[in-house]
Full PDB file with SEQRES, HELIX, SHEET, SSBOND, CRYST1, ORIGX, SCALE, CONECT and MASTER records, all heavy atoms in Angstrom:
SEQRES   1 A   40  TYR LYS GLU GLN ILE GLN THR ARG LEU ASN THR LEU LYS          
SEQRES   2 A   40  LYS GLU ARG GLU GLU LEU LEU GLU TRP LYS GLN ASP GLY          
SEQRES   3 A   40  GLU LYS GLN SER GLN GLU TYR LEU GLY LYS ILE GLU ALA          
SEQRES   4 A   40  GLU                                                          
HELIX    1 AA1 LYS A    2  ALA A   39  1                                  38    
CRYST1    1.000    1.000    1.000  90.00  90.00  90.00 P 1           1          
ORIGX1      1.000000  0.000000  0.000000        0.00000                         
ORIGX2      0.000000  1.000000  0.000000        0.00000                         
ORIGX3      0.000000  0.000000  1.000000        0.00000                         
SCALE1      1.000000  0.000000  0.000000        0.00000                         
SCALE2      0.000000  1.000000  0.000000        0.00000                         
SCALE3      0.000000  0.000000  1.000000        0.00000                         
ATOM      1  N   TYR A   1      24.572 -16.326  -1.791  1.00  0.00           N  
ATOM      2  CA  TYR A   1      24.151 -15.070  -2.364  1.00  0.00           C  
ATOM      3  C   TYR A   1      22.809 -15.149  -2.964  1.00  0.00           C  
ATOM      4  O   TYR A   1      21.958 -14.278  -2.836  1.00  0.00           O  
ATOM      5  CB  TYR A   1      25.183 -14.533  -3.353  1.00  0.00           C  
ATOM      6  CG  TYR A   1      26.286 -13.758  -2.755  1.00  0.00           C  
ATOM      7  CD1 TYR A   1      27.603 -14.338  -2.656  1.00  0.00           C  
ATOM      8  CD2 TYR A   1      26.093 -12.513  -2.276  1.00  0.00           C  
ATOM      9  CE1 TYR A   1      28.586 -13.630  -2.067  1.00  0.00           C  
ATOM     10  CE2 TYR A   1      27.101 -11.761  -1.695  1.00  0.00           C  
ATOM     11  CZ  TYR A   1      28.394 -12.319  -1.562  1.00  0.00           C  
ATOM     12  OH  TYR A   1      29.436 -11.628  -1.047  1.00  0.00           O  
ATOM     13  N   LYS A   2      22.513 -16.285  -3.592  1.00  0.00           N  
ATOM     14  CA  LYS A   2      21.134 -16.494  -4.179  1.00  0.00           C  
ATOM     15  C   LYS A   2      20.153 -16.439  -3.052  1.00  0.00           C  
ATOM     16  O   LYS A   2      18.976 -15.891  -3.225  1.00  0.00           O  
ATOM     17  CB  LYS A   2      21.020 -17.785  -4.931  1.00  0.00           C  
ATOM     18  CG  LYS A   2      21.745 -17.803  -6.242  1.00  0.00           C  
ATOM     19  CD  LYS A   2      21.578 -19.181  -6.893  1.00  0.00           C  
ATOM     20  CE  LYS A   2      22.332 -19.248  -8.196  1.00  0.00           C  
ATOM     21  NZ  LYS A   2      22.367 -20.614  -8.767  1.00  0.00           N  
ATOM     22  N   GLU A   3      20.422 -17.143  -1.896  1.00  0.00           N  
ATOM     23  CA  GLU A   3      19.469 -17.099  -0.827  1.00  0.00           C  
ATOM     24  C   GLU A   3      19.305 -15.700  -0.256  1.00  0.00           C  
ATOM     25  O   GLU A   3      18.188 -15.292   0.038  1.00  0.00           O  
ATOM     26  CB  GLU A   3      19.896 -18.050   0.196  1.00  0.00           C  
ATOM     27  CG  GLU A   3      19.777 -19.562  -0.187  1.00  0.00           C  
ATOM     28  CD  GLU A   3      20.489 -20.565   0.801  1.00  0.00           C  
ATOM     29  OE1 GLU A   3      20.958 -20.122   1.879  1.00  0.00           O  
ATOM     30  OE2 GLU A   3      20.480 -21.762   0.433  1.00  0.00           O  
ATOM     31  N   GLN A   4      20.356 -14.994  -0.084  1.00  0.00           N  
ATOM     32  CA  GLN A   4      20.328 -13.550   0.395  1.00  0.00           C  
ATOM     33  C   GLN A   4      19.488 -12.747  -0.557  1.00  0.00           C  
ATOM     34  O   GLN A   4      18.582 -11.996  -0.035  1.00  0.00           O  
ATOM     35  CB  GLN A   4      21.755 -13.029   0.495  1.00  0.00           C  
ATOM     36  CG  GLN A   4      22.558 -13.512   1.667  1.00  0.00           C  
ATOM     37  CD  GLN A   4      24.011 -12.910   1.714  1.00  0.00           C  
ATOM     38  OE1 GLN A   4      24.169 -11.918   1.045  1.00  0.00           O  
ATOM     39  NE2 GLN A   4      24.871 -13.528   2.464  1.00  0.00           N  
ATOM     40  N   ILE A   5      19.742 -12.841  -1.837  1.00  0.00           N  
ATOM     41  CA  ILE A   5      18.985 -12.084  -2.809  1.00  0.00           C  
ATOM     42  C   ILE A   5      17.553 -12.497  -2.791  1.00  0.00           C  
ATOM     43  O   ILE A   5      16.630 -11.577  -2.796  1.00  0.00           O  
ATOM     44  CB  ILE A   5      19.570 -12.304  -4.218  1.00  0.00           C  
ATOM     45  CG1 ILE A   5      20.960 -11.718  -4.269  1.00  0.00           C  
ATOM     46  CG2 ILE A   5      18.641 -11.805  -5.304  1.00  0.00           C  
ATOM     47  CD1 ILE A   5      21.771 -12.073  -5.505  1.00  0.00           C  
ATOM     48  N   GLN A   6      17.252 -13.743  -2.652  1.00  0.00           N  
ATOM     49  CA  GLN A   6      15.830 -14.210  -2.666  1.00  0.00           C  
ATOM     50  C   GLN A   6      15.124 -13.755  -1.387  1.00  0.00           C  
ATOM     51  O   GLN A   6      13.972 -13.256  -1.402  1.00  0.00           O  
ATOM     52  CB  GLN A   6      15.786 -15.749  -2.718  1.00  0.00           C  
ATOM     53  CG  GLN A   6      14.368 -16.343  -2.906  1.00  0.00           C  
ATOM     54  CD  GLN A   6      13.695 -15.867  -4.158  1.00  0.00           C  
ATOM     55  OE1 GLN A   6      14.298 -15.889  -5.158  1.00  0.00           O  
ATOM     56  NE2 GLN A   6      12.501 -15.379  -4.106  1.00  0.00           N  
ATOM     57  N   THR A   7      15.822 -13.787  -0.251  1.00  0.00           N  
ATOM     58  CA  THR A   7      15.295 -13.252   1.022  1.00  0.00           C  
ATOM     59  C   THR A   7      14.973 -11.791   0.951  1.00  0.00           C  
ATOM     60  O   THR A   7      13.812 -11.394   1.272  1.00  0.00           O  
ATOM     61  CB  THR A   7      16.244 -13.534   2.175  1.00  0.00           C  
ATOM     62  OG1 THR A   7      16.506 -14.915   2.304  1.00  0.00           O  
ATOM     63  CG2 THR A   7      15.704 -13.033   3.529  1.00  0.00           C  
ATOM     64  N   ARG A   8      15.914 -11.043   0.399  1.00  0.00           N  
ATOM     65  CA  ARG A   8      15.779  -9.631   0.257  1.00  0.00           C  
ATOM     66  C   ARG A   8      14.616  -9.237  -0.691  1.00  0.00           C  
ATOM     67  O   ARG A   8      13.806  -8.412  -0.597  1.00  0.00           O  
ATOM     68  CB  ARG A   8      17.140  -8.968  -0.251  1.00  0.00           C  
ATOM     69  CG  ARG A   8      16.994  -7.463  -0.434  1.00  0.00           C  
ATOM     70  CD  ARG A   8      16.852  -6.767   0.898  1.00  0.00           C  
ATOM     71  NE  ARG A   8      16.737  -5.354   0.713  1.00  0.00           N  
ATOM     72  CZ  ARG A   8      15.858  -4.599   1.318  1.00  0.00           C  
ATOM     73  NH1 ARG A   8      15.053  -5.047   2.280  1.00  0.00           N  
ATOM     74  NH2 ARG A   8      15.794  -3.257   1.124  1.00  0.00           N  
ATOM     75  N   LEU A   9      14.557 -10.092  -1.851  1.00  0.00           N  
ATOM     76  CA  LEU A   9      13.521  -9.908  -2.864  1.00  0.00           C  
ATOM     77  C   LEU A   9      12.131 -10.179  -2.180  1.00  0.00           C  
ATOM     78  O   LEU A   9      11.144  -9.416  -2.434  1.00  0.00           O  
ATOM     79  CB  LEU A   9      13.743 -10.840  -3.976  1.00  0.00           C  
ATOM     80  CG  LEU A   9      12.808 -10.782  -5.185  1.00  0.00           C  
ATOM     81  CD1 LEU A   9      12.919  -9.410  -5.821  1.00  0.00           C  
ATOM     82  CD2 LEU A   9      13.126 -11.834  -6.180  1.00  0.00           C  
ATOM     83  N   ASN A  10      11.987 -11.275  -1.342  1.00  0.00           N  
ATOM     84  CA  ASN A  10      10.736 -11.548  -0.683  1.00  0.00           C  
ATOM     85  C   ASN A  10      10.373 -10.414   0.262  1.00  0.00           C  
ATOM     86  O   ASN A  10       9.147 -10.033   0.312  1.00  0.00           O  
ATOM     87  CB  ASN A  10      10.892 -12.873   0.067  1.00  0.00           C  
ATOM     88  CG  ASN A  10      10.942 -14.052  -0.858  1.00  0.00           C  
ATOM     89  OD1 ASN A  10      10.531 -14.007  -2.011  1.00  0.00           O  
ATOM     90  ND2 ASN A  10      11.503 -15.202  -0.320  1.00  0.00           N  
ATOM     91  N   THR A  11      11.398  -9.887   0.980  1.00  0.00           N  
ATOM     92  CA  THR A  11      11.182  -8.820   1.843  1.00  0.00           C  
ATOM     93  C   THR A  11      10.568  -7.523   1.140  1.00  0.00           C  
ATOM     94  O   THR A  11       9.629  -6.908   1.495  1.00  0.00           O  
ATOM     95  CB  THR A  11      12.389  -8.381   2.643  1.00  0.00           C  
ATOM     96  OG1 THR A  11      12.871  -9.499   3.398  1.00  0.00           O  
ATOM     97  CG2 THR A  11      12.139  -7.298   3.619  1.00  0.00           C  
ATOM     98  N   LEU A  12      11.263  -7.237  -0.011  1.00  0.00           N  
ATOM     99  CA  LEU A  12      10.870  -6.132  -0.853  1.00  0.00           C  
ATOM    100  C   LEU A  12       9.472  -6.351  -1.373  1.00  0.00           C  
ATOM    101  O   LEU A  12       8.726  -5.422  -1.450  1.00  0.00           O  
ATOM    102  CB  LEU A  12      11.874  -5.957  -1.948  1.00  0.00           C  
ATOM    103  CG  LEU A  12      13.214  -5.331  -1.549  1.00  0.00           C  
ATOM    104  CD1 LEU A  12      14.281  -5.399  -2.607  1.00  0.00           C  
ATOM    105  CD2 LEU A  12      13.104  -3.917  -1.082  1.00  0.00           C  
ATOM    106  N   LYS A  13       9.215  -7.544  -1.837  1.00  0.00           N  
ATOM    107  CA  LYS A  13       7.812  -7.894  -2.331  1.00  0.00           C  
ATOM    108  C   LYS A  13       6.800  -7.600  -1.249  1.00  0.00           C  
ATOM    109  O   LYS A  13       5.723  -7.041  -1.572  1.00  0.00           O  
ATOM    110  CB  LYS A  13       7.763  -9.327  -2.892  1.00  0.00           C  
ATOM    111  CG  LYS A  13       8.372  -9.542  -4.220  1.00  0.00           C  
ATOM    112  CD  LYS A  13       8.182 -10.913  -4.702  1.00  0.00           C  
ATOM    113  CE  LYS A  13       8.856 -11.147  -6.097  1.00  0.00           C  
ATOM    114  NZ  LYS A  13       8.807 -12.537  -6.443  1.00  0.00           N  
ATOM    115  N   LYS A  14       7.129  -8.131  -0.041  1.00  0.00           N  
ATOM    116  CA  LYS A  14       6.124  -7.933   1.032  1.00  0.00           C  
ATOM    117  C   LYS A  14       5.947  -6.452   1.321  1.00  0.00           C  
ATOM    118  O   LYS A  14       4.845  -5.984   1.547  1.00  0.00           O  
ATOM    119  CB  LYS A  14       6.687  -8.695   2.253  1.00  0.00           C  
ATOM    120  CG  LYS A  14       5.723  -8.667   3.471  1.00  0.00           C  
ATOM    121  CD  LYS A  14       6.266  -9.492   4.596  1.00  0.00           C  
ATOM    122  CE  LYS A  14       5.299  -9.451   5.831  1.00  0.00           C  
ATOM    123  NZ  LYS A  14       5.760 -10.169   6.932  1.00  0.00           N  
ATOM    124  N   GLU A  15       7.092  -5.706   1.369  1.00  0.00           N  
ATOM    125  CA  GLU A  15       7.000  -4.255   1.643  1.00  0.00           C  
ATOM    126  C   GLU A  15       6.229  -3.565   0.566  1.00  0.00           C  
ATOM    127  O   GLU A  15       5.401  -2.704   0.907  1.00  0.00           O  
ATOM    128  CB  GLU A  15       8.434  -3.601   1.687  1.00  0.00           C  
ATOM    129  CG  GLU A  15       9.178  -4.040   3.026  1.00  0.00           C  
ATOM    130  CD  GLU A  15      10.628  -3.500   2.987  1.00  0.00           C  
ATOM    131  OE1 GLU A  15      11.017  -2.764   2.050  1.00  0.00           O  
ATOM    132  OE2 GLU A  15      11.383  -3.786   3.920  1.00  0.00           O  
ATOM    133  N   ARG A  16       6.456  -3.994  -0.689  1.00  0.00           N  
ATOM    134  CA  ARG A  16       5.677  -3.391  -1.845  1.00  0.00           C  
ATOM    135  C   ARG A  16       4.162  -3.643  -1.681  1.00  0.00           C  
ATOM    136  O   ARG A  16       3.360  -2.781  -1.903  1.00  0.00           O  
ATOM    137  CB  ARG A  16       6.133  -3.997  -3.097  1.00  0.00           C  
ATOM    138  CG  ARG A  16       5.537  -3.386  -4.300  1.00  0.00           C  
ATOM    139  CD  ARG A  16       6.178  -3.957  -5.610  1.00  0.00           C  
ATOM    140  NE  ARG A  16       5.639  -3.318  -6.832  1.00  0.00           N  
ATOM    141  CZ  ARG A  16       4.610  -3.767  -7.454  1.00  0.00           C  
ATOM    142  NH1 ARG A  16       3.959  -4.874  -7.009  1.00  0.00           N  
ATOM    143  NH2 ARG A  16       4.088  -3.178  -8.547  1.00  0.00           N  
ATOM    144  N   GLU A  17       3.824  -4.937  -1.312  1.00  0.00           N  
ATOM    145  CA  GLU A  17       2.411  -5.250  -1.067  1.00  0.00           C  
ATOM    146  C   GLU A  17       1.754  -4.413   0.037  1.00  0.00           C  
ATOM    147  O   GLU A  17       0.641  -3.967  -0.112  1.00  0.00           O  
ATOM    148  CB  GLU A  17       2.254  -6.759  -0.756  1.00  0.00           C  
ATOM    149  CG  GLU A  17       2.445  -7.564  -2.036  1.00  0.00           C  
ATOM    150  CD  GLU A  17       2.538  -9.134  -1.659  1.00  0.00           C  
ATOM    151  OE1 GLU A  17       2.214  -9.450  -0.459  1.00  0.00           O  
ATOM    152  OE2 GLU A  17       2.899  -9.961  -2.551  1.00  0.00           O  
ATOM    153  N   GLU A  18       2.560  -4.287   1.180  1.00  0.00           N  
ATOM    154  CA  GLU A  18       2.090  -3.434   2.235  1.00  0.00           C  
ATOM    155  C   GLU A  18       1.932  -2.005   1.803  1.00  0.00           C  
ATOM    156  O   GLU A  18       0.921  -1.314   2.136  1.00  0.00           O  
ATOM    157  CB  GLU A  18       3.036  -3.481   3.412  1.00  0.00           C  
ATOM    158  CG  GLU A  18       3.038  -4.904   4.122  1.00  0.00           C  
ATOM    159  CD  GLU A  18       4.121  -4.986   5.151  1.00  0.00           C  
ATOM    160  OE1 GLU A  18       4.958  -4.072   5.267  1.00  0.00           O  
ATOM    161  OE2 GLU A  18       4.176  -6.069   5.813  1.00  0.00           O  
ATOM    162  N   LEU A  19       2.797  -1.416   0.967  1.00  0.00           N  
ATOM    163  CA  LEU A  19       2.733  -0.169   0.528  1.00  0.00           C  
ATOM    164  C   LEU A  19       1.565   0.058  -0.408  1.00  0.00           C  
ATOM    165  O   LEU A  19       0.800   1.072  -0.352  1.00  0.00           O  
ATOM    166  CB  LEU A  19       4.062   0.306  -0.182  1.00  0.00           C  
ATOM    167  CG  LEU A  19       5.211   0.657   0.747  1.00  0.00           C  
ATOM    168  CD1 LEU A  19       6.532   0.763  -0.066  1.00  0.00           C  
ATOM    169  CD2 LEU A  19       4.997   1.813   1.607  1.00  0.00           C  
ATOM    170  N   LEU A  20       1.353  -0.915  -1.284  1.00  0.00           N  
ATOM    171  CA  LEU A  20       0.204  -0.815  -2.237  1.00  0.00           C  
ATOM    172  C   LEU A  20      -1.144  -0.832  -1.378  1.00  0.00           C  
ATOM    173  O   LEU A  20      -2.059  -0.182  -1.766  1.00  0.00           O  
ATOM    174  CB  LEU A  20       0.231  -2.036  -3.159  1.00  0.00           C  
ATOM    175  CG  LEU A  20       1.241  -1.832  -4.306  1.00  0.00           C  
ATOM    176  CD1 LEU A  20       1.345  -3.118  -5.195  1.00  0.00           C  
ATOM    177  CD2 LEU A  20       0.925  -0.646  -5.223  1.00  0.00           C  
ATOM    178  N   GLU A  21      -1.125  -1.718  -0.420  1.00  0.00           N  
ATOM    179  CA  GLU A  21      -2.320  -1.756   0.506  1.00  0.00           C  
ATOM    180  C   GLU A  21      -2.607  -0.492   1.186  1.00  0.00           C  
ATOM    181  O   GLU A  21      -3.712   0.093   1.210  1.00  0.00           O  
ATOM    182  CB  GLU A  21      -2.107  -2.941   1.502  1.00  0.00           C  
ATOM    183  CG  GLU A  21      -3.066  -4.056   1.404  1.00  0.00           C  
ATOM    184  CD  GLU A  21      -2.807  -5.093   2.501  1.00  0.00           C  
ATOM    185  OE1 GLU A  21      -3.125  -4.825   3.742  1.00  0.00           O  
ATOM    186  OE2 GLU A  21      -2.226  -6.151   2.197  1.00  0.00           O  
ATOM    187  N   TRP A  22      -1.487   0.069   1.651  1.00  0.00           N  
ATOM    188  CA  TRP A  22      -1.592   1.359   2.412  1.00  0.00           C  
ATOM    189  C   TRP A  22      -2.042   2.429   1.336  1.00  0.00           C  
ATOM    190  O   TRP A  22      -2.911   3.281   1.751  1.00  0.00           O  
ATOM    191  CB  TRP A  22      -0.240   1.749   2.946  1.00  0.00           C  
ATOM    192  CG  TRP A  22      -0.154   3.002   3.761  1.00  0.00           C  
ATOM    193  CD1 TRP A  22      -0.558   3.222   4.984  1.00  0.00           C  
ATOM    194  CD2 TRP A  22       0.398   4.251   3.308  1.00  0.00           C  
ATOM    195  NE1 TRP A  22      -0.387   4.570   5.340  1.00  0.00           N  
ATOM    196  CE2 TRP A  22       0.188   5.120   4.310  1.00  0.00           C  
ATOM    197  CE3 TRP A  22       1.000   4.630   2.060  1.00  0.00           C  
ATOM    198  CZ2 TRP A  22       0.613   6.482   4.224  1.00  0.00           C  
ATOM    199  CZ3 TRP A  22       1.431   5.951   1.954  1.00  0.00           C  
ATOM    200  CH2 TRP A  22       1.207   6.822   3.057  1.00  0.00           C  
ATOM    201  N   LYS A  23      -1.502   2.391   0.181  1.00  0.00           N  
ATOM    202  CA  LYS A  23      -1.935   3.400  -0.794  1.00  0.00           C  
ATOM    203  C   LYS A  23      -3.371   3.262  -1.105  1.00  0.00           C  
ATOM    204  O   LYS A  23      -4.097   4.272  -1.202  1.00  0.00           O  
ATOM    205  CB  LYS A  23      -1.064   3.162  -2.102  1.00  0.00           C  
ATOM    206  CG  LYS A  23      -1.401   4.073  -3.211  1.00  0.00           C  
ATOM    207  CD  LYS A  23      -0.524   3.693  -4.450  1.00  0.00           C  
ATOM    208  CE  LYS A  23      -1.055   4.518  -5.649  1.00  0.00           C  
ATOM    209  NZ  LYS A  23      -0.609   4.038  -6.966  1.00  0.00           N  
ATOM    210  N   GLN A  24      -3.917   2.032  -1.331  1.00  0.00           N  
ATOM    211  CA  GLN A  24      -5.277   1.851  -1.604  1.00  0.00           C  
ATOM    212  C   GLN A  24      -6.185   2.274  -0.453  1.00  0.00           C  
ATOM    213  O   GLN A  24      -7.160   2.815  -0.647  1.00  0.00           O  
ATOM    214  CB  GLN A  24      -5.543   0.273  -1.942  1.00  0.00           C  
ATOM    215  CG  GLN A  24      -5.023  -0.167  -3.265  1.00  0.00           C  
ATOM    216  CD  GLN A  24      -5.055  -1.712  -3.428  1.00  0.00           C  
ATOM    217  OE1 GLN A  24      -5.333  -2.392  -2.521  1.00  0.00           O  
ATOM    218  NE2 GLN A  24      -4.936  -2.151  -4.673  1.00  0.00           N  
ATOM    219  N   ASP A  25      -5.733   1.903   0.835  1.00  0.00           N  
ATOM    220  CA  ASP A  25      -6.469   2.389   1.925  1.00  0.00           C  
ATOM    221  C   ASP A  25      -6.515   3.911   1.989  1.00  0.00           C  
ATOM    222  O   ASP A  25      -7.535   4.520   2.242  1.00  0.00           O  
ATOM    223  CB  ASP A  25      -5.845   1.901   3.187  1.00  0.00           C  
ATOM    224  CG  ASP A  25      -6.041   0.387   3.443  1.00  0.00           C  
ATOM    225  OD1 ASP A  25      -6.903  -0.220   2.709  1.00  0.00           O  
ATOM    226  OD2 ASP A  25      -5.381  -0.182   4.291  1.00  0.00           O  
ATOM    227  N   GLY A  26      -5.357   4.554   1.712  1.00  0.00           N  
ATOM    228  CA  GLY A  26      -5.316   6.040   1.649  1.00  0.00           C  
ATOM    229  C   GLY A  26      -6.235   6.570   0.561  1.00  0.00           C  
ATOM    230  O   GLY A  26      -6.988   7.540   0.776  1.00  0.00           O  
ATOM    231  N   GLU A  27      -6.254   5.961  -0.591  1.00  0.00           N  
ATOM    232  CA  GLU A  27      -7.157   6.416  -1.715  1.00  0.00           C  
ATOM    233  C   GLU A  27      -8.658   6.290  -1.322  1.00  0.00           C  
ATOM    234  O   GLU A  27      -9.484   7.147  -1.616  1.00  0.00           O  
ATOM    235  CB  GLU A  27      -6.905   5.612  -3.005  1.00  0.00           C  
ATOM    236  CG  GLU A  27      -5.450   6.067  -3.622  1.00  0.00           C  
ATOM    237  CD  GLU A  27      -5.170   5.281  -4.868  1.00  0.00           C  
ATOM    238  OE1 GLU A  27      -5.797   4.166  -5.070  1.00  0.00           O  
ATOM    239  OE2 GLU A  27      -4.188   5.591  -5.510  1.00  0.00           O  
ATOM    240  N   LYS A  28      -8.851   5.111  -0.661  1.00  0.00           N  
ATOM    241  CA  LYS A  28     -10.298   4.888  -0.227  1.00  0.00           C  
ATOM    242  C   LYS A  28     -10.712   5.871   0.773  1.00  0.00           C  
ATOM    243  O   LYS A  28     -11.796   6.423   0.671  1.00  0.00           O  
ATOM    244  CB  LYS A  28     -10.358   3.437   0.390  1.00  0.00           C  
ATOM    245  CG  LYS A  28     -11.766   2.999   0.773  1.00  0.00           C  
ATOM    246  CD  LYS A  28     -11.792   1.552   1.317  1.00  0.00           C  
ATOM    247  CE  LYS A  28     -13.191   1.100   1.827  1.00  0.00           C  
ATOM    248  NZ  LYS A  28     -13.142  -0.163   2.398  1.00  0.00           N  
ATOM    249  N   GLN A  29      -9.853   6.146   1.752  1.00  0.00           N  
ATOM    250  CA  GLN A  29     -10.112   7.146   2.800  1.00  0.00           C  
ATOM    251  C   GLN A  29     -10.365   8.579   2.180  1.00  0.00           C  
ATOM    252  O   GLN A  29     -11.185   9.285   2.525  1.00  0.00           O  
ATOM    253  CB  GLN A  29      -8.975   7.169   3.781  1.00  0.00           C  
ATOM    254  CG  GLN A  29      -9.381   7.585   5.175  1.00  0.00           C  
ATOM    255  CD  GLN A  29      -8.323   7.329   6.162  1.00  0.00           C  
ATOM    256  OE1 GLN A  29      -7.138   7.340   5.854  1.00  0.00           O  
ATOM    257  NE2 GLN A  29      -8.724   7.220   7.434  1.00  0.00           N  
ATOM    258  N   SER A  30      -9.448   8.876   1.147  1.00  0.00           N  
ATOM    259  CA  SER A  30      -9.532  10.120   0.514  1.00  0.00           C  
ATOM    260  C   SER A  30     -10.899  10.275  -0.174  1.00  0.00           C  
ATOM    261  O   SER A  30     -11.594  11.319  -0.168  1.00  0.00           O  
ATOM    262  CB  SER A  30      -8.446  10.283  -0.552  1.00  0.00           C  
ATOM    263  OG  SER A  30      -7.249  10.354   0.085  1.00  0.00           O  
ATOM    264  N   GLN A  31     -11.321   9.129  -0.829  1.00  0.00           N  
ATOM    265  CA  GLN A  31     -12.591   9.201  -1.472  1.00  0.00           C  
ATOM    266  C   GLN A  31     -13.733   9.365  -0.511  1.00  0.00           C  
ATOM    267  O   GLN A  31     -14.718  10.086  -0.799  1.00  0.00           O  
ATOM    268  CB  GLN A  31     -12.890   7.833  -2.296  1.00  0.00           C  
ATOM    269  CG  GLN A  31     -11.951   7.735  -3.546  1.00  0.00           C  
ATOM    270  CD  GLN A  31     -12.234   8.862  -4.497  1.00  0.00           C  
ATOM    271  OE1 GLN A  31     -13.305   9.272  -4.773  1.00  0.00           O  
ATOM    272  NE2 GLN A  31     -11.177   9.324  -5.158  1.00  0.00           N  
ATOM    273  N   GLU A  32     -13.664   8.703   0.681  1.00  0.00           N  
ATOM    274  CA  GLU A  32     -14.716   8.818   1.681  1.00  0.00           C  
ATOM    275  C   GLU A  32     -14.709  10.372   2.188  1.00  0.00           C  
ATOM    276  O   GLU A  32     -15.824  10.831   2.293  1.00  0.00           O  
ATOM    277  CB  GLU A  32     -14.338   7.977   2.895  1.00  0.00           C  
ATOM    278  CG  GLU A  32     -14.664   6.469   2.611  1.00  0.00           C  
ATOM    279  CD  GLU A  32     -14.207   5.604   3.735  1.00  0.00           C  
ATOM    280  OE1 GLU A  32     -13.843   6.135   4.832  1.00  0.00           O  
ATOM    281  OE2 GLU A  32     -14.316   4.363   3.522  1.00  0.00           O  
ATOM    282  N   TYR A  33     -13.518  10.910   2.337  1.00  0.00           N  
ATOM    283  CA  TYR A  33     -13.475  12.235   2.808  1.00  0.00           C  
ATOM    284  C   TYR A  33     -14.029  13.243   1.779  1.00  0.00           C  
ATOM    285  O   TYR A  33     -14.841  14.139   2.027  1.00  0.00           O  
ATOM    286  CB  TYR A  33     -12.046  12.762   3.141  1.00  0.00           C  
ATOM    287  CG  TYR A  33     -11.591  12.116   4.448  1.00  0.00           C  
ATOM    288  CD1 TYR A  33     -10.165  11.746   4.558  1.00  0.00           C  
ATOM    289  CD2 TYR A  33     -12.333  11.958   5.501  1.00  0.00           C  
ATOM    290  CE1 TYR A  33      -9.724  11.170   5.763  1.00  0.00           C  
ATOM    291  CE2 TYR A  33     -11.930  11.442   6.761  1.00  0.00           C  
ATOM    292  CZ  TYR A  33     -10.540  11.027   6.778  1.00  0.00           C  
ATOM    293  OH  TYR A  33     -10.119  10.511   7.962  1.00  0.00           O  
ATOM    294  N   LEU A  34     -13.696  12.910   0.510  1.00  0.00           N  
ATOM    295  CA  LEU A  34     -14.278  13.775  -0.610  1.00  0.00           C  
ATOM    296  C   LEU A  34     -15.795  13.665  -0.646  1.00  0.00           C  
ATOM    297  O   LEU A  34     -16.461  14.679  -0.917  1.00  0.00           O  
ATOM    298  CB  LEU A  34     -13.576  13.299  -1.924  1.00  0.00           C  
ATOM    299  CG  LEU A  34     -12.126  13.772  -2.150  1.00  0.00           C  
ATOM    300  CD1 LEU A  34     -11.607  13.140  -3.367  1.00  0.00           C  
ATOM    301  CD2 LEU A  34     -11.986  15.258  -2.216  1.00  0.00           C  
ATOM    302  N   GLY A  35     -16.282  12.438  -0.459  1.00  0.00           N  
ATOM    303  CA  GLY A  35     -17.745  12.277  -0.490  1.00  0.00           C  
ATOM    304  C   GLY A  35     -18.406  12.986   0.737  1.00  0.00           C  
ATOM    305  O   GLY A  35     -19.453  13.647   0.561  1.00  0.00           O  
ATOM    306  N   LYS A  36     -17.751  13.000   1.892  1.00  0.00           N  
ATOM    307  CA  LYS A  36     -18.270  13.661   3.055  1.00  0.00           C  
ATOM    308  C   LYS A  36     -18.246  15.179   2.749  1.00  0.00           C  
ATOM    309  O   LYS A  36     -19.113  15.966   3.142  1.00  0.00           O  
ATOM    310  CB  LYS A  36     -17.493  13.436   4.297  1.00  0.00           C  
ATOM    311  CG  LYS A  36     -17.765  11.993   4.905  1.00  0.00           C  
ATOM    312  CD  LYS A  36     -16.863  11.687   6.067  1.00  0.00           C  
ATOM    313  CE  LYS A  36     -17.112  10.280   6.645  1.00  0.00           C  
ATOM    314  NZ  LYS A  36     -16.265   9.918   7.663  1.00  0.00           N  
ATOM    315  N   ILE A  37     -17.157  15.703   2.166  1.00  0.00           N  
ATOM    316  CA  ILE A  37     -17.055  17.178   1.927  1.00  0.00           C  
ATOM    317  C   ILE A  37     -18.099  17.603   0.885  1.00  0.00           C  
ATOM    318  O   ILE A  37     -18.767  18.578   0.982  1.00  0.00           O  
ATOM    319  CB  ILE A  37     -15.613  17.468   1.329  1.00  0.00           C  
ATOM    320  CG1 ILE A  37     -14.592  17.386   2.483  1.00  0.00           C  
ATOM    321  CG2 ILE A  37     -15.537  18.803   0.721  1.00  0.00           C  
ATOM    322  CD1 ILE A  37     -13.141  17.372   1.976  1.00  0.00           C  
ATOM    323  N   GLU A  38     -18.353  16.694  -0.120  1.00  0.00           N  
ATOM    324  CA  GLU A  38     -19.398  16.988  -1.135  1.00  0.00           C  
ATOM    325  C   GLU A  38     -20.777  17.028  -0.554  1.00  0.00           C  
ATOM    326  O   GLU A  38     -21.543  17.909  -0.745  1.00  0.00           O  
ATOM    327  CB  GLU A  38     -19.284  16.033  -2.270  1.00  0.00           C  
ATOM    328  CG  GLU A  38     -20.255  16.222  -3.391  1.00  0.00           C  
ATOM    329  CD  GLU A  38     -20.098  17.626  -4.063  1.00  0.00           C  
ATOM    330  OE1 GLU A  38     -18.950  18.183  -4.091  1.00  0.00           O  
ATOM    331  OE2 GLU A  38     -21.147  18.141  -4.625  1.00  0.00           O  
ATOM    332  N   ALA A  39     -21.044  16.128   0.381  1.00  0.00           N  
ATOM    333  CA  ALA A  39     -22.305  16.054   1.066  1.00  0.00           C  
ATOM    334  C   ALA A  39     -22.530  17.344   1.949  1.00  0.00           C  
ATOM    335  O   ALA A  39     -23.583  17.938   1.987  1.00  0.00           O  
ATOM    336  CB  ALA A  39     -22.444  14.834   1.955  1.00  0.00           C  
ATOM    337  N   GLU A  40     -21.438  17.714   2.649  1.00  0.00           N  
ATOM    338  CA  GLU A  40     -21.489  18.901   3.474  1.00  0.00           C  
ATOM    339  C   GLU A  40     -21.697  20.153   2.686  1.00  0.00           C  
ATOM    340  O   GLU A  40     -22.490  21.054   3.027  1.00  0.00           O  
ATOM    341  CB  GLU A  40     -20.151  18.983   4.252  1.00  0.00           C  
ATOM    342  CG  GLU A  40     -20.250  19.926   5.465  1.00  0.00           C  
ATOM    343  CD  GLU A  40     -21.262  19.527   6.554  1.00  0.00           C  
ATOM    344  OE1 GLU A  40     -21.522  18.355   6.727  1.00  0.00           O  
ATOM    345  OE2 GLU A  40     -21.805  20.430   7.254  1.00  0.00           O  
TER     346      GLU A  40                                                      
MASTER        0    0    0    1    0    0    0    6  345    1    0    4          
END                                                                             
């Protein structure tokens, strides 16, 4: 059970990191779009 929990925990940590990366990319893209909109 410890191994199962650790495996699941590692998977969740990896998914969390991917989601945080995705969120940061989305925020960066939003900022770029906002910059383009302001320039336009």
